[in-house]
């Protein structure tokens, strides 16, 4: 029998549920550059007649809180799970201002995104989290023939070049174009100028920030028919000119076993991303002692703990708590997924 108790008057009922894997309801973001591809790729229930550019799958930011999709915890927010489970959920990872430390989303670019940049790390505190920092990685799920993204300035571009080109078509010409195909992963340290190109769908892993400075927006207007806001001064002040190609497209490492293959595709101080393939019929305890996030690309399965179950399928993002010693994972088909971890600093 499940037990529960109440918070002080006006509070929500807290249910005594052990830490279990959970999937959240997506938060859809209409964008003038967005489309409808996420419905086709992952059967996402997109709102009708809107170009959806982003589907936020796990987020805990002011004004945006993911809620559990189903089961006994349906409707509970990420922050409520943090309150309920504490480090049994996030383990040795550190929260960001008391919030979940990552943001996981899908992006559907039917048009080029703006040329943009996020706050660059401060030289005074390079090893610590700083407000607004947005390191991110793009894993390409779909790309139309000839599609390309724009990441980093071309060699020899100077701050004076960038200042002259801001808010003109010349800005895009300063960026390095990268031809893309499904299965590639690009890491963008905060401060890297970039624009996701038209015809590309990506899974994005990023630190918990939503600060973006636009330097050029292809003369596009927003839903209100007016040009979207630019942030020239802030953007130019935060551009990094030291991002190398081997930082963006990182060297991969690969480990294979009888039931799983694991390929490291991106790594930084804030997150690690592995591409994992699991064979059908795997049934075993969850082999992790820290929190893990699965971005399910293909296949189906279920997590089981006591009488609780968490099924998953393509397009689901599963948060697997650090306390999962009593949780079993079962694959019903071959599964492809991105496994996201947070590096834990030794005491």
Protein backbone atom coordinates (compact mmCIF):
# COMPACT_ATOMS: atom_id res chain seq x y z
CA UNK A 1 0.00 0.00 0.00
CA UNK A 2 1.45 3.38 -0.99
CA UNK A 3 1.68 5.87 1.86
CA UNK A 4 1.60 9.64 1.68
CA UNK A 5 1.49 12.73 3.85
CA UNK A 6 0.71 16.38 3.33
CA UNK A 7 2.81 19.51 3.51
CA UNK A 8 1.55 22.48 5.51
CA UNK A 9 -1.89 23.82 4.42
CA UNK A 10 -1.83 24.87 0.77
CA UNK A 11 1.08 22.56 -0.09
CA UNK A 12 0.94 19.65 -2.51
CA UNK A 13 0.61 16.07 -1.31
CA UNK A 14 3.94 14.23 -1.21
CA UNK A 15 3.80 10.56 -2.15
CA UNK A 16 6.37 8.14 -0.75
CA UNK A 17 7.77 6.77 -3.98
CA UNK A 18 11.32 5.41 -4.13
CA UNK A 19 13.65 7.02 -6.66
CA UNK A 20 12.55 5.64 -10.04
CA UNK A 21 13.33 6.52 -13.66
CA UNK A 22 10.93 9.12 -15.03
CA UNK A 23 9.96 10.60 -18.40
CA UNK A 24 8.64 14.16 -18.63
CA UNK A 25 6.01 15.90 -20.75
CA UNK A 26 7.71 17.92 -23.52
CA UNK A 27 7.40 21.70 -23.49
CA UNK A 28 6.94 22.83 -27.09
CA UNK A 29 8.37 26.15 -28.24
CA UNK A 30 6.92 27.75 -31.41
CA UNK A 31 9.66 29.47 -33.42
CA UNK A 32 9.48 31.31 -36.77
CA UNK A 33 12.23 29.00 -38.04
CA UNK A 34 10.60 25.80 -36.73
CA UNK A 35 8.64 23.03 -38.41
CA UNK A 36 6.75 19.78 -37.83
CA UNK A 37 9.48 17.16 -38.22
CA UNK A 38 9.42 16.06 -34.58
CA UNK A 39 5.92 14.67 -35.12
CA UNK A 40 7.21 12.50 -37.96
CA UNK A 41 10.45 11.39 -36.30
CA UNK A 42 9.16 10.72 -32.79
CA UNK A 43 5.37 11.03 -32.97
CA UNK A 44 5.52 14.11 -30.74
CA UNK A 45 2.01 15.50 -30.07
CA UNK A 46 2.78 18.94 -31.48
CA UNK A 47 0.15 21.66 -31.11
CA UNK A 48 -1.67 22.11 -34.44
CA UNK A 49 -0.83 24.78 -37.01
CA UNK A 50 2.33 26.03 -35.32
CA UNK A 51 5.98 25.82 -36.43
CA UNK A 52 7.61 24.08 -33.47
CA UNK A 53 11.32 24.80 -33.27
CA UNK A 54 12.13 23.29 -29.88
CA UNK A 55 10.85 20.52 -27.66
CA UNK A 56 12.22 20.95 -24.14
CA UNK A 57 12.38 17.48 -22.60
CA UNK A 58 14.06 18.07 -19.23
CA UNK A 59 14.32 21.58 -17.83
CA UNK A 60 14.21 23.43 -14.53
CA UNK A 61 14.49 27.15 -15.21
CA UNK A 62 12.35 30.08 -14.03
CA UNK A 63 9.10 29.88 -16.00
CA UNK A 64 9.92 26.45 -17.45
CA UNK A 65 9.62 23.30 -15.34
CA UNK A 66 9.31 19.83 -16.78
CA UNK A 67 6.50 17.69 -15.33
CA UNK A 68 6.41 13.90 -15.08
CA UNK A 69 4.40 12.41 -17.94
CA UNK A 70 2.52 9.58 -16.27
CA UNK A 71 2.18 7.16 -13.40
CA UNK A 72 1.83 7.93 -9.71
CA UNK A 73 4.13 10.95 -10.05
CA UNK A 74 2.29 12.48 -13.01
CA UNK A 75 2.45 16.27 -12.93
CA UNK A 76 5.31 16.47 -10.46
CA UNK A 77 8.01 18.95 -11.47
CA UNK A 78 11.74 18.38 -11.63
CA UNK A 79 12.13 20.65 -8.60
CA UNK A 80 9.62 18.59 -6.64
CA UNK A 81 11.57 15.43 -7.41
CA UNK A 82 14.74 17.16 -6.21
CA UNK A 83 12.91 18.03 -2.96
CA UNK A 84 11.59 14.46 -2.60
CA UNK A 85 14.72 12.49 -3.41
CA UNK A 86 17.65 14.90 -2.98
CA UNK A 87 20.98 13.27 -3.76
CA UNK A 88 19.23 9.95 -4.30
CA UNK A 89 18.22 11.64 -7.56
CA UNK A 90 21.22 13.71 -8.62
CA UNK A 91 23.99 11.91 -6.71
CA UNK A 92 27.35 13.64 -6.65
CA UNK A 93 26.33 16.22 -9.27
CA UNK A 94 25.91 19.81 -8.15
CA UNK A 95 22.72 21.76 -8.69
CA UNK A 96 22.80 25.13 -10.44
CA UNK A 97 21.27 27.72 -8.11
CA UNK A 98 19.24 24.88 -6.61
CA UNK A 99 17.99 23.68 -10.00
CA UNK A 100 18.60 20.70 -12.26
CA UNK A 101 22.04 21.20 -13.85
CA UNK A 102 21.22 20.33 -17.49
CA UNK A 103 18.64 21.18 -20.15
CA UNK A 104 17.77 18.52 -22.75
CA UNK A 105 15.85 19.42 -25.90
CA UNK A 106 15.20 18.61 -29.56
CA UNK A 107 15.58 21.30 -32.25
CA UNK A 108 13.82 21.28 -35.64
CA UNK A 109 15.31 23.88 -38.00
CA UNK A 110 13.25 24.38 -41.15
CA UNK A 111 15.15 27.66 -41.67
CA UNK A 112 18.59 28.83 -40.52
CA UNK A 113 18.63 29.82 -36.86
CA UNK A 114 20.06 33.21 -35.96
CA UNK A 115 23.82 33.71 -35.78
CA UNK A 116 24.20 33.74 -32.02
CA UNK A 117 26.53 33.37 -29.10
CA UNK A 118 26.17 32.54 -25.41
CA UNK A 119 28.12 34.10 -22.52
CA UNK A 120 31.78 33.12 -22.56
CA UNK A 121 33.41 31.84 -19.36
CA UNK A 122 35.24 34.35 -17.23
CA UNK A 123 39.01 34.11 -17.19
CA UNK A 124 38.87 34.77 -13.44
CA UNK A 125 36.91 31.58 -12.71
CA UNK A 126 37.29 29.13 -15.61
CA UNK A 127 36.71 26.00 -13.54
CA UNK A 128 33.43 27.05 -11.92
CA UNK A 129 29.87 27.33 -13.12
CA UNK A 130 28.94 30.93 -13.90
CA UNK A 131 25.50 32.47 -14.51
CA UNK A 132 24.46 32.33 -18.15
CA UNK A 133 27.13 29.90 -19.33
CA UNK A 134 25.64 27.64 -21.99
CA UNK A 135 27.93 24.87 -23.16
CA UNK A 136 25.99 22.69 -25.58
CA UNK A 137 26.30 19.70 -27.88
CA UNK A 138 24.26 18.93 -31.00
CA UNK A 139 23.70 15.31 -32.05
CA UNK A 140 22.34 15.22 -35.62
CA UNK A 141 19.17 13.14 -35.91
CA UNK A 142 18.07 14.18 -39.41
CA UNK A 143 19.62 16.26 -42.17
CA UNK A 144 18.36 17.03 -45.65
CA UNK A 145 20.84 16.52 -48.50
CA UNK A 146 23.31 19.41 -48.61
CA UNK A 147 22.36 20.71 -45.15
CA UNK A 148 25.08 22.45 -43.15
CA UNK A 149 25.53 24.17 -39.83
CA UNK A 150 27.75 27.14 -39.00
CA UNK A 151 30.05 26.81 -36.02
CA UNK A 152 32.99 29.03 -35.09
CA UNK A 153 34.63 31.80 -37.07
CA UNK A 154 36.89 31.02 -40.00
CA UNK A 155 40.65 31.31 -39.34
CA UNK A 156 42.03 34.85 -39.10
CA UNK A 157 38.64 36.49 -38.39
CA UNK A 158 39.29 39.38 -35.98
CA UNK A 159 37.06 41.25 -33.50
CA UNK A 160 37.09 44.19 -35.93
CA UNK A 161 35.81 41.92 -38.70
CA UNK A 162 33.00 40.67 -36.47
CA UNK A 163 32.04 44.21 -35.41
CA UNK A 164 31.82 45.36 -39.04
CA UNK A 165 29.74 42.34 -40.05
CA UNK A 166 27.26 42.35 -37.14
CA UNK A 167 23.62 42.49 -38.27
CA UNK A 168 24.58 42.16 -41.94
CA UNK A 169 24.73 39.15 -44.30
CA UNK A 170 28.52 39.39 -44.00
CA UNK A 171 28.28 37.93 -40.50
CA UNK A 172 27.24 34.53 -41.87
CA UNK A 173 30.18 34.61 -44.29
CA UNK A 174 32.60 34.82 -41.36
CA UNK A 175 31.35 31.53 -39.91
CA UNK A 176 32.79 28.15 -40.83
CA UNK A 177 30.21 25.92 -42.59
CA UNK A 178 30.12 22.26 -41.52
CA UNK A 179 28.42 19.71 -43.81
CA UNK A 180 26.31 17.42 -41.63
CA UNK A 181 24.83 13.96 -41.67
CA UNK A 182 22.90 11.94 -39.07
CA UNK A 183 25.04 10.49 -36.30
CA UNK A 184 27.52 13.37 -36.05
CA UNK A 185 27.95 15.26 -32.77
CA UNK A 186 29.24 18.82 -32.41
CA UNK A 187 30.32 20.43 -29.14
CA UNK A 188 29.91 24.20 -28.80
CA UNK A 189 31.68 25.74 -25.79
CA UNK A 190 29.85 28.80 -24.51
CA UNK A 191 31.07 31.81 -26.46
CA UNK A 192 31.30 29.96 -29.80
CA UNK A 193 29.44 31.88 -32.56
CA UNK A 194 27.08 29.49 -34.34
CA UNK A 195 23.87 28.95 -36.31
CA UNK A 196 22.03 25.68 -36.85
CA UNK A 197 21.26 25.36 -40.55
CA UNK A 198 17.98 24.71 -42.34
CA UNK A 199 16.86 21.12 -42.80
CA UNK A 200 18.52 19.77 -39.63
CA UNK A 201 17.04 18.16 -36.53
CA UNK A 202 19.27 17.69 -33.49
CA UNK A 203 19.16 16.46 -29.94
CA UNK A 204 20.74 19.12 -27.76
CA UNK A 205 22.43 18.65 -24.40
CA UNK A 206 23.32 21.89 -22.63
CA UNK A 207 24.02 23.46 -19.30
CA UNK A 208 21.10 25.05 -17.48
CA UNK A 209 20.85 28.46 -19.12
CA UNK A 210 18.67 30.14 -21.73
CA UNK A 211 20.74 33.28 -22.40
CA UNK A 212 21.34 33.91 -26.11
CA UNK A 213 22.79 36.96 -27.87
CA UNK A 214 21.81 37.32 -31.54
CA UNK A 215 24.31 38.90 -33.92
CA UNK A 216 22.35 38.39 -37.17
CA UNK A 217 18.92 36.92 -37.95
CA UNK A 218 18.81 36.66 -41.77
CA UNK A 219 16.47 39.71 -41.92
CA UNK A 220 13.73 37.54 -40.42
CA UNK A 221 10.65 38.80 -38.59
CA UNK A 222 8.95 37.22 -35.60
CA UNK A 223 5.35 36.10 -35.23
CA UNK A 224 4.39 39.73 -34.62
CA UNK A 225 5.73 40.77 -38.04
CA UNK A 226 8.57 42.79 -36.51
CA UNK A 227 12.33 42.10 -36.66
CA UNK A 228 13.45 40.00 -33.74
CA UNK A 229 15.64 41.61 -31.09
CA UNK A 230 19.40 41.57 -31.62
CA UNK A 231 22.10 41.89 -28.96
CA UNK A 232 25.10 43.23 -30.86
CA UNK A 233 27.06 44.74 -27.98
CA UNK A 234 26.61 41.76 -25.66
CA UNK A 235 27.23 39.26 -28.45
CA UNK A 236 30.48 40.83 -29.63
CA UNK A 237 31.71 41.07 -26.04
CA UNK A 238 31.18 37.33 -25.53
CA UNK A 239 32.58 35.86 -28.77
CA UNK A 240 35.43 33.38 -28.41
CA UNK A 241 38.06 33.29 -31.15
CA UNK A 242 40.05 30.37 -29.72
CA UNK A 243 37.66 27.45 -30.40
CA UNK A 244 39.53 24.82 -32.44
CA UNK A 245 38.07 22.28 -34.84
CA UNK A 246 39.08 19.36 -32.59
CA UNK A 247 37.08 20.93 -29.75
CA UNK A 248 33.94 21.08 -31.91
CA UNK A 249 34.15 17.66 -33.60
CA UNK A 250 35.82 15.54 -30.94
CA UNK A 251 37.75 12.31 -31.34
CA UNK A 252 35.57 9.30 -30.52
CA UNK A 253 36.39 6.29 -28.35
CA UNK A 254 34.61 2.96 -28.58
CA UNK A 255 33.94 -0.01 -26.29
CA UNK A 256 32.01 -3.12 -27.37
CA UNK A 257 30.54 -5.95 -25.29
CA UNK A 258 28.21 -8.90 -25.93
CA UNK A 259 25.03 -6.91 -25.26
CA UNK A 260 26.07 -3.27 -25.64
CA UNK A 261 28.35 -0.95 -27.57
CA UNK A 262 29.34 2.42 -26.14
CA UNK A 263 30.93 5.27 -28.10
CA UNK A 264 32.04 8.48 -26.38
CA UNK A 265 31.00 11.32 -28.73
CA UNK A 266 31.34 14.48 -26.60
CA UNK A 267 32.94 15.44 -23.31
CA UNK A 268 33.39 18.60 -21.27
CA UNK A 269 33.54 19.52 -17.59
CA UNK A 270 29.75 19.82 -17.39
CA UNK A 271 28.57 16.68 -19.23
CA UNK A 272 29.61 13.52 -21.04
CA UNK A 273 27.67 11.99 -23.95
CA UNK A 274 27.92 8.38 -25.09
CA UNK A 275 26.13 6.80 -28.04
CA UNK A 276 24.87 3.43 -26.76
CA UNK A 277 23.38 0.47 -28.57
CA UNK A 278 21.68 -2.21 -26.46
CA UNK A 279 20.59 -5.59 -27.75
CA UNK A 280 17.06 -6.89 -27.44
CA UNK A 281 16.43 -9.02 -24.37
CA UNK A 282 18.81 -7.34 -21.94
CA UNK A 283 17.45 -7.65 -18.40
CA UNK A 284 19.71 -6.60 -15.57
CA UNK A 285 20.08 -4.16 -12.68
CA UNK A 286 20.82 -0.58 -13.71
CA UNK A 287 24.65 -0.51 -13.86
CA UNK A 288 25.11 3.08 -12.62
CA UNK A 289 25.79 4.64 -9.23
CA UNK A 290 25.27 8.22 -10.42
CA UNK A 291 22.38 9.93 -12.20
CA UNK A 292 22.14 9.16 -15.93
CA UNK A 293 19.91 10.63 -18.65
CA UNK A 294 18.84 8.57 -21.64
CA UNK A 295 17.79 10.24 -24.88
CA UNK A 296 16.07 7.33 -26.64
CA UNK A 297 16.60 7.40 -30.42
CA UNK A 298 15.15 4.00 -31.34
CA UNK A 299 13.76 0.91 -29.61
CA UNK A 300 11.60 0.20 -26.61
CA UNK A 301 12.04 -1.03 -23.08
CA UNK A 302 11.03 -0.54 -19.48
CA UNK A 303 12.56 0.18 -16.07
CA UNK A 304 11.09 -1.67 -13.10
CA UNK A 305 11.45 -1.00 -9.36
CA UNK A 306 9.13 -2.70 -6.88
CA UNK A 307 5.64 -2.12 -8.31
CA UNK A 308 6.67 0.91 -10.35
CA UNK A 309 7.38 0.82 -14.07
CA UNK A 310 8.76 3.41 -16.49
CA UNK A 311 8.34 2.38 -20.14
CA UNK A 312 10.30 4.24 -22.82
CA UNK A 313 10.36 4.53 -26.60
CA UNK A 314 11.76 6.69 -29.40
CA UNK A 315 11.88 10.38 -28.54
CA UNK A 316 11.62 9.84 -24.79
CA UNK A 317 14.16 11.34 -22.41
CA UNK A 318 14.54 9.28 -19.23
CA UNK A 319 16.12 10.59 -16.03
CA UNK A 320 17.56 7.61 -14.13
CA UNK A 321 18.23 8.45 -10.45
CA UNK A 322 21.57 7.87 -8.76
CA UNK A 323 19.82 5.51 -6.32
CA UNK A 324 18.87 2.80 -8.82
CA UNK A 325 20.46 -0.26 -7.24
CA UNK A 326 17.04 -1.92 -6.96
CA UNK A 327 15.91 -0.89 -10.46
CA UNK A 328 16.02 -3.33 -13.36
CA UNK A 329 16.32 -2.34 -17.01
CA UNK A 330 14.66 -4.44 -19.71
CA UNK A 331 15.07 -3.95 -23.46
CA UNK A 332 12.13 -5.21 -25.53
CA UNK A 333 13.89 -4.47 -28.85
CA UNK A 334 17.34 -3.35 -29.94
CA UNK A 335 17.75 0.20 -28.58
CA UNK A 336 19.83 3.17 -29.72
CA UNK A 337 20.24 6.02 -27.26
CA UNK A 338 22.39 8.88 -26.09
CA UNK A 339 23.53 8.41 -22.49
CA UNK A 340 24.30 11.68 -20.71
CA UNK A 341 26.29 11.84 -17.48
CA UNK A 342 27.61 14.64 -15.31
CA UNK A 343 31.31 14.28 -14.40
CA UNK A 344 31.69 13.98 -10.63
CA UNK A 345 34.63 15.79 -9.08
CA UNK A 346 36.55 13.77 -6.52
CA UNK A 347 36.44 15.02 -2.94
